[in-house]
N, C-alpha and C. Protein backbone atom coordinates (compact mmCIF):
# COMPACT_ATOMS: atom_id res chain seq x y z
N UNK A 1 3.37 30.29 -22.01
CA UNK A 1 2.76 29.03 -22.29
C UNK A 1 3.26 28.53 -23.64
N UNK A 2 3.51 27.22 -23.69
CA UNK A 2 4.01 26.62 -24.92
C UNK A 2 2.87 25.88 -25.63
N UNK A 3 2.75 26.06 -26.92
CA UNK A 3 1.72 25.40 -27.71
C UNK A 3 2.40 24.34 -28.57
N UNK A 4 1.82 23.13 -28.52
CA UNK A 4 2.37 22.03 -29.30
C UNK A 4 1.30 21.53 -30.25
N UNK A 5 1.63 21.42 -31.51
CA UNK A 5 0.71 20.92 -32.52
C UNK A 5 1.02 19.46 -32.80
N UNK A 6 -0.04 18.64 -32.90
CA UNK A 6 0.13 17.24 -33.29
C UNK A 6 -0.91 16.91 -34.36
N UNK A 7 -0.64 15.89 -35.12
CA UNK A 7 -1.56 15.47 -36.17
C UNK A 7 -2.82 14.88 -35.53
N UNK A 8 -3.92 14.98 -36.23
CA UNK A 8 -5.20 14.47 -35.73
C UNK A 8 -5.14 12.98 -35.45
N UNK A 9 -4.50 12.19 -36.32
CA UNK A 9 -4.45 10.75 -36.09
C UNK A 9 -3.58 10.41 -34.87
N UNK A 10 -2.56 11.20 -34.61
CA UNK A 10 -1.75 11.00 -33.42
C UNK A 10 -2.58 11.30 -32.18
N UNK A 11 -3.35 12.38 -32.25
CA UNK A 11 -4.22 12.73 -31.13
C UNK A 11 -5.26 11.63 -30.89
N UNK A 12 -5.86 11.11 -31.94
CA UNK A 12 -6.85 10.04 -31.81
C UNK A 12 -6.22 8.78 -31.21
N UNK A 13 -5.01 8.47 -31.61
CA UNK A 13 -4.31 7.31 -31.05
C UNK A 13 -4.06 7.51 -29.56
N UNK A 14 -3.69 8.72 -29.17
CA UNK A 14 -3.47 9.02 -27.75
C UNK A 14 -4.77 8.88 -26.97
N UNK A 15 -5.86 9.40 -27.52
CA UNK A 15 -7.16 9.31 -26.85
C UNK A 15 -7.58 7.85 -26.69
N UNK A 16 -7.39 7.06 -27.73
CA UNK A 16 -7.75 5.64 -27.68
C UNK A 16 -6.95 4.91 -26.61
N UNK A 17 -5.66 5.16 -26.56
CA UNK A 17 -4.82 4.52 -25.54
C UNK A 17 -5.20 4.98 -24.13
N UNK A 18 -5.53 6.24 -23.99
CA UNK A 18 -5.93 6.74 -22.68
C UNK A 18 -7.25 6.10 -22.25
N UNK A 19 -8.20 5.96 -23.17
CA UNK A 19 -9.47 5.32 -22.85
C UNK A 19 -9.26 3.86 -22.43
N UNK A 20 -8.36 3.17 -23.10
CA UNK A 20 -8.02 1.80 -22.72
C UNK A 20 -7.42 1.77 -21.31
N UNK A 21 -6.55 2.70 -21.04
CA UNK A 21 -5.95 2.79 -19.71
C UNK A 21 -7.02 3.02 -18.65
N UNK A 22 -7.96 3.91 -18.91
CA UNK A 22 -9.04 4.20 -17.96
C UNK A 22 -9.88 2.94 -17.71
N UNK A 23 -10.18 2.20 -18.77
CA UNK A 23 -10.96 0.96 -18.62
C UNK A 23 -10.21 -0.05 -17.75
N UNK A 24 -8.91 -0.17 -17.96
CA UNK A 24 -8.12 -1.10 -17.16
C UNK A 24 -8.10 -0.68 -15.70
N UNK A 25 -7.96 0.60 -15.45
CA UNK A 25 -7.96 1.09 -14.06
C UNK A 25 -9.32 0.88 -13.40
N UNK A 26 -10.38 1.14 -14.15
CA UNK A 26 -11.73 0.90 -13.61
C UNK A 26 -11.92 -0.57 -13.27
N UNK A 27 -11.43 -1.46 -14.13
CA UNK A 27 -11.55 -2.89 -13.87
C UNK A 27 -10.77 -3.28 -12.61
N UNK A 28 -9.62 -2.69 -12.39
CA UNK A 28 -8.84 -2.98 -11.19
C UNK A 28 -9.54 -2.47 -9.94
N UNK A 29 -10.16 -1.32 -10.03
CA UNK A 29 -10.83 -0.73 -8.87
C UNK A 29 -12.10 -1.47 -8.51
N UNK A 30 -12.79 -2.01 -9.49
CA UNK A 30 -14.05 -2.71 -9.25
C UNK A 30 -13.82 -4.14 -8.79
N UNK A 31 -12.74 -4.73 -9.25
CA UNK A 31 -12.46 -6.13 -8.94
C UNK A 31 -12.39 -6.36 -7.44
N UNK A 32 -13.03 -7.40 -6.99
CA UNK A 32 -13.03 -7.75 -5.57
C UNK A 32 -11.91 -8.75 -5.32
N UNK A 33 -10.73 -8.25 -5.14
CA UNK A 33 -9.57 -9.09 -4.89
C UNK A 33 -9.47 -9.35 -3.40
N UNK A 34 -9.66 -10.59 -3.00
CA UNK A 34 -9.68 -10.92 -1.57
C UNK A 34 -8.34 -10.64 -0.90
N UNK A 35 -7.26 -10.74 -1.65
CA UNK A 35 -5.95 -10.47 -1.05
C UNK A 35 -5.84 -9.03 -0.58
N UNK A 36 -6.45 -8.09 -1.30
CA UNK A 36 -6.36 -6.69 -0.92
C UNK A 36 -7.20 -6.38 0.31
N UNK A 37 -8.23 -7.17 0.56
CA UNK A 37 -9.10 -6.92 1.71
C UNK A 37 -8.44 -7.33 3.02
N UNK A 38 -7.37 -8.09 2.96
CA UNK A 38 -6.73 -8.58 4.18
C UNK A 38 -5.69 -7.61 4.75
N UNK A 39 -5.36 -6.57 4.03
CA UNK A 39 -4.35 -5.65 4.51
C UNK A 39 -4.83 -4.94 5.76
N UNK A 40 -3.92 -4.64 6.66
CA UNK A 40 -4.23 -4.00 7.93
C UNK A 40 -3.76 -2.56 7.93
N UNK A 41 -4.45 -1.69 8.66
CA UNK A 41 -4.01 -0.30 8.76
C UNK A 41 -3.31 -0.09 10.10
N UNK A 42 -2.88 1.14 10.36
CA UNK A 42 -2.12 1.45 11.58
C UNK A 42 -2.87 1.04 12.85
N UNK A 43 -4.15 1.37 12.91
CA UNK A 43 -4.93 1.08 14.10
C UNK A 43 -5.00 -0.43 14.35
N UNK A 44 -5.24 -1.20 13.31
CA UNK A 44 -5.30 -2.66 13.45
C UNK A 44 -3.99 -3.21 14.00
N UNK A 45 -2.88 -2.74 13.43
CA UNK A 45 -1.57 -3.27 13.82
C UNK A 45 -1.24 -2.86 15.26
N UNK A 46 -1.52 -1.63 15.63
CA UNK A 46 -1.26 -1.19 17.01
C UNK A 46 -2.05 -2.03 18.01
N UNK A 47 -3.28 -2.35 17.68
CA UNK A 47 -4.09 -3.17 18.58
C UNK A 47 -3.56 -4.60 18.64
N UNK A 48 -3.19 -5.15 17.50
CA UNK A 48 -2.69 -6.53 17.48
C UNK A 48 -1.39 -6.69 18.26
N UNK A 49 -0.49 -5.71 18.09
CA UNK A 49 0.82 -5.80 18.74
C UNK A 49 0.82 -5.15 20.12
N UNK A 50 -0.27 -4.47 20.45
CA UNK A 50 -0.38 -3.75 21.72
C UNK A 50 0.77 -2.74 21.87
N UNK A 51 0.91 -1.91 20.83
CA UNK A 51 1.97 -0.91 20.81
C UNK A 51 1.36 0.45 20.48
N UNK A 52 2.14 1.50 20.70
CA UNK A 52 1.70 2.86 20.37
C UNK A 52 1.96 3.16 18.89
N UNK A 53 1.38 4.25 18.42
CA UNK A 53 1.62 4.67 17.04
C UNK A 53 3.09 5.02 16.83
N UNK A 54 3.71 5.58 17.86
CA UNK A 54 5.13 5.95 17.75
C UNK A 54 6.02 4.71 17.63
N UNK A 55 5.69 3.66 18.38
CA UNK A 55 6.45 2.42 18.27
C UNK A 55 6.28 1.81 16.88
N UNK A 56 5.07 1.88 16.37
CA UNK A 56 4.82 1.40 15.02
C UNK A 56 5.65 2.17 14.01
N UNK A 57 5.75 3.48 14.21
CA UNK A 57 6.59 4.31 13.33
C UNK A 57 8.05 3.85 13.39
N UNK A 58 8.52 3.53 14.58
CA UNK A 58 9.89 3.04 14.74
C UNK A 58 10.08 1.72 14.00
N UNK A 59 9.09 0.82 14.09
CA UNK A 59 9.17 -0.46 13.38
C UNK A 59 9.24 -0.24 11.87
N UNK A 60 8.51 0.76 11.37
CA UNK A 60 8.59 1.07 9.93
C UNK A 60 9.95 1.64 9.59
N UNK A 61 10.41 2.59 10.42
CA UNK A 61 11.68 3.27 10.13
C UNK A 61 12.88 2.32 10.13
N UNK A 62 12.90 1.38 11.07
CA UNK A 62 14.08 0.50 11.15
C UNK A 62 13.92 -0.79 10.34
N UNK A 63 12.80 -0.92 9.62
CA UNK A 63 12.62 -2.07 8.74
C UNK A 63 12.09 -3.32 9.42
N UNK A 64 11.70 -3.20 10.68
CA UNK A 64 11.16 -4.36 11.40
C UNK A 64 9.85 -4.82 10.78
N UNK A 65 9.03 -3.87 10.34
CA UNK A 65 7.73 -4.19 9.79
C UNK A 65 7.57 -3.56 8.40
N UNK A 66 7.55 -4.38 7.36
CA UNK A 66 7.33 -3.84 6.01
C UNK A 66 5.93 -3.25 5.88
N UNK A 67 5.77 -2.30 4.98
CA UNK A 67 4.48 -1.66 4.79
C UNK A 67 4.38 -1.12 3.36
N UNK A 68 3.16 -0.78 3.00
CA UNK A 68 2.89 -0.10 1.74
C UNK A 68 2.14 1.18 2.07
N UNK A 69 2.39 2.22 1.29
CA UNK A 69 1.74 3.50 1.54
C UNK A 69 0.92 3.90 0.32
N UNK A 70 -0.34 4.23 0.58
CA UNK A 70 -1.23 4.71 -0.47
C UNK A 70 -1.90 5.99 0.05
N UNK A 71 -1.63 7.09 -0.62
CA UNK A 71 -2.21 8.39 -0.22
C UNK A 71 -2.00 8.68 1.26
N UNK A 72 -0.81 8.60 1.72
CA UNK A 72 -0.42 8.92 3.09
C UNK A 72 -0.99 7.96 4.13
N UNK A 73 -1.55 6.84 3.73
CA UNK A 73 -2.06 5.85 4.67
C UNK A 73 -1.22 4.59 4.53
N UNK A 74 -0.85 4.02 5.68
CA UNK A 74 0.01 2.85 5.70
C UNK A 74 -0.83 1.58 5.77
N UNK A 75 -0.36 0.55 5.06
CA UNK A 75 -1.01 -0.76 5.08
C UNK A 75 0.03 -1.83 5.30
N UNK A 76 -0.38 -2.89 6.00
CA UNK A 76 0.54 -3.96 6.38
C UNK A 76 -0.07 -5.30 6.03
N UNK A 77 0.78 -6.24 5.61
CA UNK A 77 0.31 -7.60 5.33
C UNK A 77 0.17 -8.34 6.65
N UNK A 78 -0.91 -9.09 6.81
CA UNK A 78 -1.11 -9.84 8.06
C UNK A 78 0.04 -10.78 8.39
N UNK A 79 0.64 -11.40 7.37
CA UNK A 79 1.74 -12.33 7.64
C UNK A 79 2.97 -11.60 8.18
N UNK A 80 3.20 -10.35 7.75
CA UNK A 80 4.32 -9.57 8.29
C UNK A 80 4.07 -9.20 9.75
N UNK A 81 2.83 -8.85 10.06
CA UNK A 81 2.48 -8.51 11.45
C UNK A 81 2.62 -9.75 12.32
N UNK A 82 2.20 -10.90 11.81
CA UNK A 82 2.32 -12.15 12.57
C UNK A 82 3.79 -12.46 12.87
N UNK A 83 4.65 -12.23 11.88
CA UNK A 83 6.09 -12.48 12.08
C UNK A 83 6.64 -11.59 13.19
N UNK A 84 6.23 -10.32 13.22
CA UNK A 84 6.69 -9.40 14.26
C UNK A 84 6.14 -9.84 15.61
N UNK A 85 4.90 -10.31 15.63
CA UNK A 85 4.32 -10.80 16.90
C UNK A 85 5.15 -11.95 17.46
N UNK A 86 5.58 -12.85 16.59
CA UNK A 86 6.40 -13.97 17.03
C UNK A 86 7.76 -13.51 17.51
N UNK A 87 8.34 -12.52 16.82
CA UNK A 87 9.63 -11.98 17.26
C UNK A 87 9.51 -11.34 18.63
N UNK A 88 8.44 -10.62 18.87
CA UNK A 88 8.25 -9.96 20.16
C UNK A 88 8.00 -10.99 21.27
N UNK A 89 7.29 -12.06 20.94
CA UNK A 89 6.99 -13.08 21.93
C UNK A 89 8.23 -13.80 22.41
N UNK A 90 9.16 -14.05 21.49
CA UNK A 90 10.37 -14.82 21.81
C UNK A 90 11.59 -13.93 22.06
N UNK A 91 11.38 -12.64 22.21
CA UNK A 91 12.50 -11.73 22.44
C UNK A 91 13.10 -12.01 23.83
N UNK A 92 14.40 -12.25 23.92
CA UNK A 92 15.04 -12.49 25.21
C UNK A 92 14.93 -11.28 26.13
N UNK A 93 14.73 -11.53 27.41
CA UNK A 93 14.64 -10.44 28.37
C UNK A 93 15.99 -9.75 28.53
N UNK A 94 15.96 -8.45 28.74
CA UNK A 94 17.18 -7.70 28.97
C UNK A 94 17.87 -7.25 27.68
N UNK A 95 17.29 -7.52 26.54
CA UNK A 95 17.91 -7.11 25.28
C UNK A 95 17.00 -6.22 24.52
């Protein structure tokens, strides 16, 4: 184990900055941002597009449907899902 010594004022400055960071994160978590409430999860998207989870995985893999991942859970913007719905609706037969 390595021991590192720092001056007391440096330590206090670090603690102060960390406390400020914690306050900012708490404010972000408490804030009711309506844009964040509109994101869809895998189940929502599968139901909207009437596709399987595996097809949804393929859409993510090939870039058809953009997504964001937070703690192993995928989220999708409604406008991106709408765009894919329109692409699927107008897809030529046989292709």
